[in-house]
């Protein structure tokens, strides 16, 4: 199957928080249908030796992601999302 990805922005990934002790970071995720140029792929290419997606945003959403930078942190955060200890929340800004 041949897929066309939208153009990749030259704007660097903005990281709002990096917690080295707890081994995660919080970047801003832009919306887009990427298969190869995903947020995790860009982070691993530019910043990290390990990154994992433990939550996702719906395709047309942009927002904040929690990205673990170690396997133990990824397992812990995945468990917290599955058990409901951590949850995501959408906030919409509407006009009209």
N, C-alpha and C. Protein backbone atom coordinates (compact mmCIF):
# COMPACT_ATOMS: atom_id res chain seq x y z
N UNK A 1 0.85 -1.18 0.00
CA UNK A 1 0.00 0.00 0.00
C UNK A 1 0.89 1.23 0.00
N UNK A 2 0.58 2.15 -0.87
CA UNK A 2 1.34 3.41 -0.96
C UNK A 2 0.57 4.49 -0.22
N UNK A 3 1.22 5.14 0.74
CA UNK A 3 0.57 6.19 1.52
C UNK A 3 1.36 7.47 1.39
N UNK A 4 0.66 8.58 1.29
CA UNK A 4 1.30 9.89 1.29
C UNK A 4 1.11 10.51 2.66
N UNK A 5 2.20 10.94 3.26
CA UNK A 5 2.11 11.63 4.54
C UNK A 5 2.04 13.13 4.29
N UNK A 6 1.40 13.85 5.21
CA UNK A 6 1.43 15.30 5.07
C UNK A 6 2.86 15.80 5.23
N UNK A 7 3.15 16.99 4.71
CA UNK A 7 4.52 17.52 4.85
C UNK A 7 4.90 17.64 6.32
N UNK A 8 6.15 17.34 6.62
CA UNK A 8 6.65 17.44 7.98
C UNK A 8 7.06 18.88 8.22
N UNK A 9 6.62 19.44 9.33
CA UNK A 9 6.95 20.82 9.67
C UNK A 9 8.41 20.93 10.09
N UNK A 10 9.02 22.05 9.75
CA UNK A 10 10.40 22.31 10.16
C UNK A 10 10.45 22.85 11.58
N UNK A 11 9.29 23.11 12.18
CA UNK A 11 9.23 23.60 13.55
C UNK A 11 9.68 22.50 14.50
N UNK A 12 10.65 22.77 15.36
CA UNK A 12 11.12 21.72 16.27
C UNK A 12 10.04 21.34 17.30
N UNK A 13 10.14 20.12 17.80
CA UNK A 13 9.22 19.67 18.84
C UNK A 13 9.46 20.50 20.09
N UNK A 14 8.39 21.03 20.66
CA UNK A 14 8.50 21.85 21.87
C UNK A 14 8.27 20.95 23.08
N UNK A 15 9.24 20.91 23.97
CA UNK A 15 9.13 20.10 25.18
C UNK A 15 8.82 21.04 26.34
N UNK A 16 7.64 20.83 26.95
CA UNK A 16 7.20 21.70 28.04
C UNK A 16 7.76 21.29 29.39
N UNK A 17 8.02 20.00 29.57
CA UNK A 17 8.51 19.51 30.85
C UNK A 17 9.38 18.29 30.61
N UNK A 18 10.52 18.25 31.27
CA UNK A 18 11.36 17.05 31.25
C UNK A 18 11.71 16.71 32.69
N UNK A 19 11.24 15.55 33.16
CA UNK A 19 11.51 15.10 34.52
C UNK A 19 12.49 13.93 34.43
N UNK A 20 13.78 14.22 34.61
CA UNK A 20 14.81 13.19 34.47
C UNK A 20 14.73 12.17 35.59
N UNK A 21 14.33 12.60 36.78
CA UNK A 21 14.25 11.67 37.92
C UNK A 21 13.15 10.64 37.71
N UNK A 22 11.98 11.08 37.24
CA UNK A 22 10.87 10.14 37.01
C UNK A 22 10.83 9.61 35.59
N UNK A 23 11.78 10.02 34.75
CA UNK A 23 12.00 9.47 33.41
C UNK A 23 10.82 9.63 32.46
N UNK A 24 10.36 10.87 32.32
CA UNK A 24 9.37 11.16 31.29
C UNK A 24 9.51 12.61 30.86
N UNK A 25 8.92 12.90 29.70
CA UNK A 25 8.85 14.28 29.27
C UNK A 25 7.48 14.54 28.68
N UNK A 26 7.15 15.83 28.56
CA UNK A 26 5.85 16.24 28.05
C UNK A 26 6.07 17.19 26.87
N UNK A 27 5.99 16.66 25.65
CA UNK A 27 6.10 17.52 24.47
C UNK A 27 4.72 17.93 23.96
N UNK A 28 4.71 18.94 23.12
CA UNK A 28 3.48 19.33 22.43
C UNK A 28 3.38 18.47 21.18
N UNK A 29 2.23 17.87 20.98
CA UNK A 29 2.00 17.00 19.83
C UNK A 29 1.11 17.73 18.84
N UNK A 30 1.58 17.87 17.61
CA UNK A 30 0.76 18.49 16.57
C UNK A 30 -0.06 17.42 15.88
N UNK A 31 -1.20 17.78 15.37
CA UNK A 31 -2.05 16.79 14.71
C UNK A 31 -1.49 16.45 13.33
N UNK A 32 -1.83 15.29 12.86
CA UNK A 32 -1.41 14.85 11.53
C UNK A 32 -1.46 13.34 11.43
N UNK A 33 -1.56 12.84 10.21
CA UNK A 33 -1.63 11.40 9.97
C UNK A 33 -0.26 10.90 9.53
N UNK A 34 0.61 10.74 10.48
CA UNK A 34 1.96 10.29 10.17
C UNK A 34 2.12 8.82 10.50
N UNK A 35 2.84 8.11 9.64
CA UNK A 35 3.16 6.71 9.88
C UNK A 35 4.63 6.56 10.21
N UNK A 36 5.46 7.38 9.58
CA UNK A 36 6.90 7.31 9.80
C UNK A 36 7.41 8.47 10.64
N UNK A 37 6.88 9.65 10.42
CA UNK A 37 7.35 10.85 11.12
C UNK A 37 6.46 11.15 12.33
N UNK A 38 6.32 10.17 13.19
CA UNK A 38 5.50 10.33 14.38
C UNK A 38 6.28 11.12 15.44
N UNK A 39 5.58 11.57 16.46
CA UNK A 39 6.23 12.29 17.54
C UNK A 39 7.32 11.44 18.19
N UNK A 40 7.03 10.19 18.48
CA UNK A 40 8.02 9.31 19.12
C UNK A 40 9.23 9.11 18.20
N UNK A 41 9.00 8.92 16.90
CA UNK A 41 10.12 8.75 15.97
C UNK A 41 11.00 10.00 15.92
N UNK A 42 10.39 11.17 15.93
CA UNK A 42 11.17 12.41 15.92
C UNK A 42 11.95 12.57 17.21
N UNK A 43 11.33 12.27 18.35
CA UNK A 43 12.02 12.38 19.64
C UNK A 43 13.22 11.43 19.69
N UNK A 44 13.04 10.20 19.20
CA UNK A 44 14.15 9.24 19.22
C UNK A 44 15.24 9.65 18.23
N UNK A 45 14.87 10.26 17.15
CA UNK A 45 15.85 10.70 16.17
C UNK A 45 16.65 11.90 16.66
N UNK A 46 15.98 12.83 17.36
CA UNK A 46 16.61 14.09 17.73
C UNK A 46 17.10 14.18 19.16
N UNK A 47 16.46 13.46 20.11
CA UNK A 47 16.74 13.68 21.52
C UNK A 47 17.10 12.45 22.33
N UNK A 48 16.39 11.35 22.12
CA UNK A 48 16.39 10.26 23.09
C UNK A 48 16.87 8.94 22.50
N UNK A 49 17.35 8.06 23.37
CA UNK A 49 17.67 6.71 22.95
C UNK A 49 16.46 5.78 23.17
N UNK A 50 15.51 6.18 24.02
CA UNK A 50 14.28 5.42 24.25
C UNK A 50 13.13 6.38 24.39
N UNK A 51 12.05 6.09 23.73
CA UNK A 51 10.80 6.83 23.89
C UNK A 51 9.67 5.88 23.56
N UNK A 52 8.56 6.04 24.25
CA UNK A 52 7.42 5.15 24.03
C UNK A 52 6.14 5.96 24.11
N UNK A 53 5.15 5.56 23.35
CA UNK A 53 3.84 6.21 23.42
C UNK A 53 2.95 5.38 24.35
N UNK A 54 2.54 5.97 25.46
CA UNK A 54 1.66 5.25 26.39
C UNK A 54 0.23 5.76 26.31
N UNK A 55 0.03 6.89 25.67
CA UNK A 55 -1.31 7.38 25.39
C UNK A 55 -1.30 7.98 24.01
N UNK A 56 -2.45 8.30 23.50
CA UNK A 56 -2.51 8.89 22.17
C UNK A 56 -3.56 9.98 22.15
N UNK A 57 -3.44 10.83 21.17
CA UNK A 57 -4.47 11.82 20.91
C UNK A 57 -5.22 11.39 19.66
N UNK A 58 -6.49 11.70 19.59
CA UNK A 58 -7.23 11.39 18.37
C UNK A 58 -6.59 12.10 17.19
N UNK A 59 -6.80 11.58 16.01
CA UNK A 59 -6.09 12.01 14.82
C UNK A 59 -6.11 13.51 14.58
N UNK A 60 -7.21 14.17 14.78
CA UNK A 60 -7.32 15.59 14.47
C UNK A 60 -6.98 16.50 15.64
N UNK A 61 -6.50 15.93 16.74
CA UNK A 61 -6.20 16.71 17.94
C UNK A 61 -4.73 17.08 18.01
N UNK A 62 -4.47 18.19 18.63
CA UNK A 62 -3.10 18.51 19.03
C UNK A 62 -3.15 18.74 20.53
N UNK A 63 -2.03 18.59 21.19
CA UNK A 63 -2.03 18.75 22.64
C UNK A 63 -0.77 18.21 23.26
N UNK A 64 -0.86 17.86 24.52
CA UNK A 64 0.28 17.39 25.30
C UNK A 64 0.27 15.87 25.38
N UNK A 65 1.45 15.30 25.33
CA UNK A 65 1.61 13.86 25.45
C UNK A 65 2.56 13.59 26.62
N UNK A 66 2.39 12.45 27.26
CA UNK A 66 3.36 11.98 28.25
C UNK A 66 4.21 10.94 27.54
N UNK A 67 5.51 11.16 27.48
CA UNK A 67 6.41 10.24 26.78
C UNK A 67 7.45 9.72 27.76
N UNK A 68 7.35 8.44 28.15
CA UNK A 68 8.36 7.86 29.03
C UNK A 68 9.69 7.74 28.30
N UNK A 69 10.76 7.93 29.05
CA UNK A 69 12.10 7.83 28.46
C UNK A 69 12.85 6.59 28.95
N UNK A 70 12.11 5.66 29.59
CA UNK A 70 12.69 4.38 29.99
C UNK A 70 11.59 3.32 29.95
N UNK A 71 12.00 2.08 29.81
CA UNK A 71 11.04 0.98 29.76
C UNK A 71 10.26 0.82 31.07
N UNK A 72 10.91 0.89 32.26
CA UNK A 72 10.13 0.79 33.50
C UNK A 72 9.08 1.89 33.64
N UNK A 73 9.42 3.11 33.24
CA UNK A 73 8.45 4.20 33.31
C UNK A 73 7.31 3.96 32.33
N UNK A 74 7.61 3.43 31.14
CA UNK A 74 6.57 3.12 30.15
C UNK A 74 5.60 2.08 30.69
N UNK A 75 6.12 1.05 31.35
CA UNK A 75 5.26 0.02 31.92
C UNK A 75 4.37 0.59 33.03
N UNK A 76 4.96 1.43 33.88
CA UNK A 76 4.20 2.02 34.99
C UNK A 76 3.10 2.94 34.46
N UNK A 77 3.43 3.82 33.51
CA UNK A 77 2.43 4.74 32.99
C UNK A 77 1.34 4.01 32.21
N UNK A 78 1.71 2.96 31.46
CA UNK A 78 0.70 2.18 30.75
C UNK A 78 -0.28 1.58 31.74
N UNK A 79 0.23 1.02 32.83
CA UNK A 79 -0.64 0.44 33.86
C UNK A 79 -1.55 1.52 34.46
N UNK A 80 -1.03 2.72 34.69
CA UNK A 80 -1.84 3.79 35.27
C UNK A 80 -2.95 4.24 34.32
N UNK A 81 -2.69 4.28 33.03
CA UNK A 81 -3.74 4.63 32.06
C UNK A 81 -4.79 3.52 32.00
N UNK A 82 -4.34 2.27 31.96
CA UNK A 82 -5.28 1.13 31.88
C UNK A 82 -6.14 1.05 33.13
N UNK A 83 -5.57 1.27 34.30
CA UNK A 83 -6.32 1.15 35.55
C UNK A 83 -7.19 2.37 35.84
N UNK A 84 -6.97 3.46 35.10
CA UNK A 84 -7.78 4.67 35.31
C UNK A 84 -7.19 5.61 36.34
N UNK A 85 -6.01 5.32 36.87
CA UNK A 85 -5.35 6.21 37.82
C UNK A 85 -5.01 7.54 37.14
N UNK A 86 -4.61 7.46 35.88
CA UNK A 86 -4.32 8.64 35.07
C UNK A 86 -5.31 8.62 33.92
N UNK A 87 -5.81 9.78 33.55
CA UNK A 87 -6.72 9.84 32.42
C UNK A 87 -6.44 11.09 31.61
N UNK A 88 -6.85 11.06 30.37
CA UNK A 88 -6.66 12.24 29.53
C UNK A 88 -7.95 13.05 29.51
N UNK A 89 -7.79 14.31 29.25
CA UNK A 89 -8.93 15.21 29.24
C UNK A 89 -8.81 16.13 28.03
N UNK A 90 -9.91 16.32 27.33
CA UNK A 90 -9.93 17.22 26.19
C UNK A 90 -10.57 18.55 26.59
N UNK A 91 -9.98 19.62 26.17
CA UNK A 91 -10.54 20.95 26.39
C UNK A 91 -10.71 21.56 25.01
N UNK A 92 -11.91 22.04 24.72
CA UNK A 92 -12.17 22.63 23.40
C UNK A 92 -12.36 24.13 23.52
N UNK A 93 -11.84 24.81 22.54
CA UNK A 93 -12.07 26.25 22.44
C UNK A 93 -12.96 26.47 21.24
N UNK A 94 -14.12 27.06 21.49
CA UNK A 94 -15.13 27.22 20.43
C UNK A 94 -15.40 28.70 20.19
N UNK A 95 -15.78 28.99 18.98
CA UNK A 95 -16.16 30.35 18.63
C UNK A 95 -17.57 30.31 18.08
N UNK A 96 -18.42 31.16 18.63
CA UNK A 96 -19.79 31.22 18.12
C UNK A 96 -20.78 30.39 18.89
